[in-house]
Amino acid sequence: MTTSTRRQWTDETIREELLPIATELGRFPRRSELTERGIGALWSAMGRRGGVDAWREIVAQALAVPAPAPAEAPAAAVTFAGPSEEEVRIAAYFMFQNGHPGGPESHWHAAQRELAHA
């Protein structure tokens, strides 16, 4: 008498089978696509272990995360364009609130100079 080896589906084995297929397809696989690949039982296993919709969400999150950049890619040079208008506006506002002498225009220019040297 021979015993057939029956696959034991765990969350980890489902993930190991499902994510590479979803990555290849770029979407969640259909039941028929899993059957064509010889792992039709995966669909039932997903149903038993959280539900197909829950696994669809897991796949969607995995596909939404961008692939890590290759390590050998050179880092892009970061250039500083100076403070943003919003940063200058906030700094000028606090100069006014703290009683710095001068008007709005002098506060603006002083804030630009201060942020450029920071």
N, C-alpha and C. Protein backbone atom coordinates (compact mmCIF):
# COMPACT_ATOMS: atom_id res chain seq x y z
N MET A 1 0.84 -1.17 0.00
CA MET A 1 0.00 0.00 0.00
C MET A 1 0.89 1.24 0.00
N THR A 2 0.66 2.12 -0.93
CA THR A 2 1.46 3.34 -1.02
C THR A 2 0.68 4.51 -0.45
N THR A 3 1.42 5.41 0.09
CA THR A 3 0.80 6.61 0.65
C THR A 3 1.17 7.78 -0.24
N SER A 4 0.18 8.54 -0.65
CA SER A 4 0.49 9.71 -1.46
C SER A 4 0.95 10.84 -0.55
N THR A 5 1.87 11.63 -1.06
CA THR A 5 2.34 12.76 -0.26
C THR A 5 1.40 13.92 -0.52
N ARG A 6 0.73 14.31 0.49
CA ARG A 6 -0.23 15.40 0.38
C ARG A 6 0.43 16.66 0.91
N ARG A 7 0.32 17.71 0.15
CA ARG A 7 0.96 18.96 0.52
C ARG A 7 0.25 19.61 1.70
N GLN A 8 1.03 20.08 2.64
CA GLN A 8 0.49 20.79 3.79
C GLN A 8 0.65 22.29 3.53
N TRP A 9 -0.45 22.98 3.39
CA TRP A 9 -0.41 24.41 3.10
C TRP A 9 -0.39 25.21 4.40
N THR A 10 0.63 26.01 4.56
CA THR A 10 0.73 26.96 5.67
C THR A 10 0.74 28.35 5.05
N ASP A 11 0.65 29.36 5.89
CA ASP A 11 0.72 30.72 5.36
C ASP A 11 2.03 30.93 4.60
N GLU A 12 3.10 30.37 5.13
CA GLU A 12 4.41 30.54 4.49
C GLU A 12 4.47 29.83 3.13
N THR A 13 3.98 28.59 3.06
CA THR A 13 4.04 27.87 1.78
C THR A 13 3.11 28.52 0.75
N ILE A 14 1.98 29.05 1.21
CA ILE A 14 1.09 29.76 0.28
C ILE A 14 1.82 30.98 -0.28
N ARG A 15 2.46 31.73 0.61
CA ARG A 15 3.18 32.93 0.19
C ARG A 15 4.32 32.58 -0.77
N GLU A 16 5.05 31.50 -0.47
CA GLU A 16 6.17 31.09 -1.32
C GLU A 16 5.72 30.70 -2.72
N GLU A 17 4.55 30.12 -2.85
CA GLU A 17 4.03 29.73 -4.16
C GLU A 17 3.35 30.89 -4.87
N LEU A 18 2.61 31.69 -4.11
CA LEU A 18 1.74 32.70 -4.69
C LEU A 18 2.48 33.94 -5.17
N LEU A 19 3.40 34.46 -4.36
CA LEU A 19 4.05 35.72 -4.71
C LEU A 19 4.88 35.66 -5.99
N PRO A 20 5.66 34.60 -6.25
CA PRO A 20 6.39 34.57 -7.52
C PRO A 20 5.46 34.54 -8.74
N ILE A 21 4.34 33.83 -8.62
CA ILE A 21 3.39 33.77 -9.73
C ILE A 21 2.76 35.14 -9.94
N ALA A 22 2.36 35.78 -8.85
CA ALA A 22 1.75 37.11 -8.96
C ALA A 22 2.74 38.12 -9.52
N THR A 23 4.00 38.01 -9.13
CA THR A 23 5.02 38.92 -9.65
C THR A 23 5.20 38.70 -11.15
N GLU A 24 5.21 37.45 -11.55
CA GLU A 24 5.34 37.12 -12.98
C GLU A 24 4.17 37.68 -13.78
N LEU A 25 2.95 37.52 -13.25
CA LEU A 25 1.76 37.99 -13.95
C LEU A 25 1.53 39.49 -13.79
N GLY A 26 2.05 40.05 -12.71
CA GLY A 26 1.81 41.45 -12.42
C GLY A 26 0.46 41.69 -11.77
N ARG A 27 -0.17 40.63 -11.33
CA ARG A 27 -1.50 40.71 -10.71
C ARG A 27 -1.77 39.41 -9.97
N PHE A 28 -2.91 39.37 -9.28
CA PHE A 28 -3.32 38.17 -8.57
C PHE A 28 -3.76 37.12 -9.58
N PRO A 29 -3.29 35.87 -9.46
CA PRO A 29 -3.64 34.84 -10.45
C PRO A 29 -5.10 34.38 -10.31
N ARG A 30 -5.66 33.96 -11.45
CA ARG A 30 -7.00 33.37 -11.43
C ARG A 30 -6.89 31.91 -10.99
N ARG A 31 -8.01 31.37 -10.58
CA ARG A 31 -8.04 29.97 -10.14
C ARG A 31 -7.59 29.05 -11.27
N SER A 32 -8.04 29.33 -12.49
CA SER A 32 -7.68 28.48 -13.63
C SER A 32 -6.18 28.53 -13.92
N GLU A 33 -5.56 29.68 -13.68
CA GLU A 33 -4.12 29.79 -13.90
C GLU A 33 -3.34 28.95 -12.90
N LEU A 34 -3.83 28.88 -11.68
CA LEU A 34 -3.16 28.03 -10.69
C LEU A 34 -3.33 26.56 -11.05
N THR A 35 -4.52 26.20 -11.53
CA THR A 35 -4.78 24.81 -11.93
C THR A 35 -3.88 24.43 -13.10
N GLU A 36 -3.72 25.33 -14.07
CA GLU A 36 -2.85 25.07 -15.22
C GLU A 36 -1.41 24.83 -14.79
N ARG A 37 -1.00 25.45 -13.71
CA ARG A 37 0.37 25.29 -13.21
C ARG A 37 0.51 24.07 -12.29
N GLY A 38 -0.58 23.36 -12.09
CA GLY A 38 -0.53 22.16 -11.27
C GLY A 38 -0.64 22.41 -9.78
N ILE A 39 -1.07 23.60 -9.40
CA ILE A 39 -1.24 23.90 -7.97
C ILE A 39 -2.63 24.46 -7.72
N GLY A 40 -3.62 23.80 -8.27
CA GLY A 40 -5.00 24.22 -8.07
C GLY A 40 -5.43 24.19 -6.61
N ALA A 41 -4.80 23.33 -5.82
CA ALA A 41 -5.14 23.24 -4.40
C ALA A 41 -4.77 24.52 -3.65
N LEU A 42 -3.91 25.33 -4.24
CA LEU A 42 -3.53 26.59 -3.61
C LEU A 42 -4.74 27.48 -3.41
N TRP A 43 -5.65 27.50 -4.36
CA TRP A 43 -6.86 28.33 -4.26
C TRP A 43 -7.68 27.92 -3.03
N SER A 44 -7.87 26.62 -2.86
CA SER A 44 -8.62 26.13 -1.70
C SER A 44 -7.89 26.42 -0.40
N ALA A 45 -6.57 26.29 -0.43
CA ALA A 45 -5.78 26.56 0.76
C ALA A 45 -5.90 28.03 1.17
N MET A 46 -5.91 28.93 0.18
CA MET A 46 -6.09 30.35 0.49
C MET A 46 -7.45 30.57 1.13
N GLY A 47 -8.46 29.86 0.63
CA GLY A 47 -9.80 29.98 1.20
C GLY A 47 -9.85 29.54 2.65
N ARG A 48 -9.11 28.51 2.97
CA ARG A 48 -9.09 27.99 4.34
C ARG A 48 -8.22 28.84 5.27
N ARG A 49 -7.24 29.51 4.73
CA ARG A 49 -6.29 30.24 5.57
C ARG A 49 -6.42 31.74 5.39
N GLY A 50 -7.59 32.25 5.69
CA GLY A 50 -7.80 33.70 5.68
C GLY A 50 -8.74 34.18 4.60
N GLY A 51 -8.92 33.39 3.56
CA GLY A 51 -9.81 33.78 2.48
C GLY A 51 -9.03 34.33 1.29
N VAL A 52 -9.59 34.11 0.11
CA VAL A 52 -8.92 34.54 -1.12
C VAL A 52 -8.76 36.06 -1.14
N ASP A 53 -9.78 36.79 -0.66
CA ASP A 53 -9.68 38.25 -0.66
C ASP A 53 -8.55 38.75 0.23
N ALA A 54 -8.33 38.10 1.35
CA ALA A 54 -7.22 38.50 2.23
C ALA A 54 -5.88 38.26 1.53
N TRP A 55 -5.77 37.14 0.82
CA TRP A 55 -4.53 36.87 0.08
C TRP A 55 -4.38 37.82 -1.09
N ARG A 56 -5.49 38.23 -1.68
CA ARG A 56 -5.44 39.22 -2.77
C ARG A 56 -4.84 40.53 -2.25
N GLU A 57 -5.21 40.92 -1.03
CA GLU A 57 -4.65 42.12 -0.41
C GLU A 57 -3.15 41.98 -0.16
N ILE A 58 -2.74 40.81 0.32
CA ILE A 58 -1.32 40.57 0.58
C ILE A 58 -0.52 40.69 -0.72
N VAL A 59 -1.07 40.11 -1.79
CA VAL A 59 -0.39 40.19 -3.09
C VAL A 59 -0.35 41.63 -3.58
N ALA A 60 -1.45 42.36 -3.42
CA ALA A 60 -1.49 43.76 -3.86
C ALA A 60 -0.44 44.59 -3.13
N GLN A 61 -0.28 44.35 -1.84
CA GLN A 61 0.74 45.07 -1.07
C GLN A 61 2.14 44.70 -1.53
N ALA A 62 2.35 43.42 -1.81
CA ALA A 62 3.67 42.97 -2.25
C ALA A 62 4.01 43.54 -3.62
N LEU A 63 3.01 43.64 -4.49
CA LEU A 63 3.26 44.19 -5.83
C LEU A 63 3.41 45.70 -5.79
N ALA A 64 2.83 46.36 -4.80
CA ALA A 64 2.91 47.81 -4.70
C ALA A 64 4.28 48.27 -4.21
N VAL A 65 4.97 47.43 -3.47
CA VAL A 65 6.30 47.78 -2.96
C VAL A 65 7.28 47.72 -4.12
N PRO A 66 8.00 48.81 -4.40
CA PRO A 66 8.95 48.77 -5.50
C PRO A 66 10.10 47.81 -5.20
N ALA A 67 10.61 47.22 -6.25
CA ALA A 67 11.74 46.30 -6.10
C ALA A 67 12.96 47.09 -5.63
N PRO A 68 13.79 46.50 -4.78
CA PRO A 68 14.97 47.22 -4.31
C PRO A 68 15.91 47.54 -5.47
N ALA A 69 16.53 48.70 -5.38
CA ALA A 69 17.45 49.13 -6.42
C ALA A 69 18.70 48.26 -6.39
N PRO A 70 19.29 47.98 -7.54
CA PRO A 70 20.52 47.18 -7.56
C PRO A 70 21.63 47.88 -6.78
N ALA A 71 22.42 47.10 -6.07
CA ALA A 71 23.46 47.66 -5.20
C ALA A 71 24.55 48.35 -6.00
N GLU A 72 24.81 47.90 -7.23
CA GLU A 72 25.91 48.48 -7.99
C GLU A 72 25.55 49.78 -8.70
N ALA A 73 24.29 50.20 -8.61
CA ALA A 73 23.88 51.45 -9.26
C ALA A 73 24.52 52.62 -8.51
N PRO A 74 25.13 53.56 -9.24
CA PRO A 74 25.75 54.70 -8.57
C PRO A 74 24.69 55.60 -7.96
N ALA A 75 25.02 56.15 -6.81
CA ALA A 75 24.08 57.04 -6.13
C ALA A 75 24.01 58.36 -6.89
N ALA A 76 22.82 58.87 -7.02
CA ALA A 76 22.62 60.13 -7.72
C ALA A 76 23.17 61.26 -6.85
N ALA A 77 23.79 62.22 -7.49
CA ALA A 77 24.33 63.36 -6.77
C ALA A 77 23.18 64.22 -6.27
N VAL A 78 23.23 64.56 -5.01
CA VAL A 78 22.19 65.38 -4.42
C VAL A 78 22.64 66.83 -4.46
N THR A 79 21.85 67.67 -5.09
CA THR A 79 22.17 69.09 -5.14
C THR A 79 21.18 69.83 -4.27
N PHE A 80 21.66 70.85 -3.61
CA PHE A 80 20.81 71.64 -2.73
C PHE A 80 20.35 72.86 -3.50
N ALA A 81 19.06 72.99 -3.67
CA ALA A 81 18.50 74.09 -4.44
C ALA A 81 18.16 75.27 -3.54
N GLY A 82 18.45 75.19 -2.27
CA GLY A 82 18.12 76.27 -1.36
C GLY A 82 16.81 75.98 -0.65
N PRO A 83 16.45 76.83 0.28
CA PRO A 83 15.23 76.61 1.04
C PRO A 83 13.99 76.79 0.16
N SER A 84 12.96 76.04 0.48
CA SER A 84 11.71 76.19 -0.28
C SER A 84 11.00 77.46 0.15
N GLU A 85 10.07 77.89 -0.66
CA GLU A 85 9.31 79.10 -0.35
C GLU A 85 8.56 78.94 0.97
N GLU A 86 8.04 77.74 1.20
CA GLU A 86 7.32 77.47 2.44
C GLU A 86 8.24 77.60 3.65
N GLU A 87 9.47 77.10 3.54
CA GLU A 87 10.42 77.19 4.65
C GLU A 87 10.76 78.65 4.95
N VAL A 88 10.95 79.45 3.89
CA VAL A 88 11.25 80.87 4.07
C VAL A 88 10.06 81.57 4.70
N ARG A 89 8.87 81.25 4.23
CA ARG A 89 7.65 81.87 4.76
C ARG A 89 7.52 81.61 6.26
N ILE A 90 7.77 80.37 6.67
CA ILE A 90 7.66 80.02 8.09
C ILE A 90 8.72 80.75 8.92
N ALA A 91 9.96 80.77 8.43
CA ALA A 91 11.03 81.44 9.16
C ALA A 91 10.75 82.94 9.27
N ALA A 92 10.26 83.57 8.20
CA ALA A 92 9.94 85.00 8.23
C ALA A 92 8.80 85.27 9.21
N TYR A 93 7.83 84.40 9.25
CA TYR A 93 6.71 84.55 10.18
C TYR A 93 7.20 84.53 11.62
N PHE A 94 8.10 83.60 11.95
CA PHE A 94 8.59 83.53 13.31
C PHE A 94 9.50 84.71 13.65
N MET A 95 10.19 85.26 12.66
CA MET A 95 10.96 86.48 12.92
C MET A 95 10.02 87.61 13.32
N PHE A 96 8.91 87.73 12.60
CA PHE A 96 7.91 88.75 12.93
C PHE A 96 7.34 88.49 14.33
N GLN A 97 6.97 87.24 14.62
CA GLN A 97 6.38 86.90 15.91
C GLN A 97 7.34 87.15 17.07
N ASN A 98 8.64 86.97 16.82
CA ASN A 98 9.63 87.16 17.87
C ASN A 98 10.11 88.60 17.99
N GLY A 99 9.51 89.51 17.21
CA GLY A 99 9.80 90.94 17.35
C GLY A 99 11.06 91.42 16.68
N HIS A 100 11.56 90.70 15.67
CA HIS A 100 12.74 91.19 14.94
C HIS A 100 12.37 92.50 14.26
N PRO A 101 13.30 93.46 14.27
CA PRO A 101 13.00 94.75 13.64
C PRO A 101 12.87 94.62 12.13
N GLY A 102 12.08 95.50 11.54
CA GLY A 102 11.92 95.53 10.10
C GLY A 102 10.53 95.10 9.69
N GLY A 103 10.29 95.21 8.39
CA GLY A 103 8.99 94.87 7.84
C GLY A 103 8.99 93.48 7.24
N PRO A 104 7.89 93.13 6.59
CA PRO A 104 7.75 91.79 6.00
C PRO A 104 8.85 91.45 4.99
N GLU A 105 9.22 92.45 4.18
CA GLU A 105 10.24 92.18 3.15
C GLU A 105 11.61 91.92 3.78
N SER A 106 11.95 92.69 4.81
CA SER A 106 13.25 92.47 5.46
C SER A 106 13.27 91.13 6.20
N HIS A 107 12.11 90.75 6.78
CA HIS A 107 12.03 89.43 7.42
C HIS A 107 12.22 88.32 6.38
N TRP A 108 11.62 88.51 5.20
CA TRP A 108 11.72 87.51 4.13
C TRP A 108 13.18 87.32 3.72
N HIS A 109 13.86 88.44 3.46
CA HIS A 109 15.26 88.35 3.01
C HIS A 109 16.17 87.79 4.11
N ALA A 110 15.92 88.19 5.34
CA ALA A 110 16.72 87.67 6.45
C ALA A 110 16.50 86.16 6.60
N ALA A 111 15.26 85.73 6.45
CA ALA A 111 14.95 84.29 6.54
C ALA A 111 15.64 83.52 5.42
N GLN A 112 15.64 84.08 4.21
CA GLN A 112 16.33 83.42 3.09
C GLN A 112 17.82 83.27 3.38
N ARG A 113 18.44 84.35 3.85
CA ARG A 113 19.87 84.30 4.16
C ARG A 113 20.16 83.28 5.26
N GLU A 114 19.34 83.31 6.31
CA GLU A 114 19.55 82.41 7.45
C GLU A 114 19.41 80.94 7.03
N LEU A 115 18.40 80.64 6.23
CA LEU A 115 18.18 79.26 5.80
C LEU A 115 19.22 78.80 4.78
N ALA A 116 19.72 79.71 3.97
CA ALA A 116 20.72 79.34 2.97
C ALA A 116 22.04 78.94 3.63
N HIS A 117 22.32 79.54 4.79
CA HIS A 117 23.58 79.24 5.48
C HIS A 117 23.43 78.15 6.53
N ALA A 118 22.23 77.65 6.70
CA ALA A 118 22.00 76.61 7.72
C ALA A 118 22.42 75.25 7.23
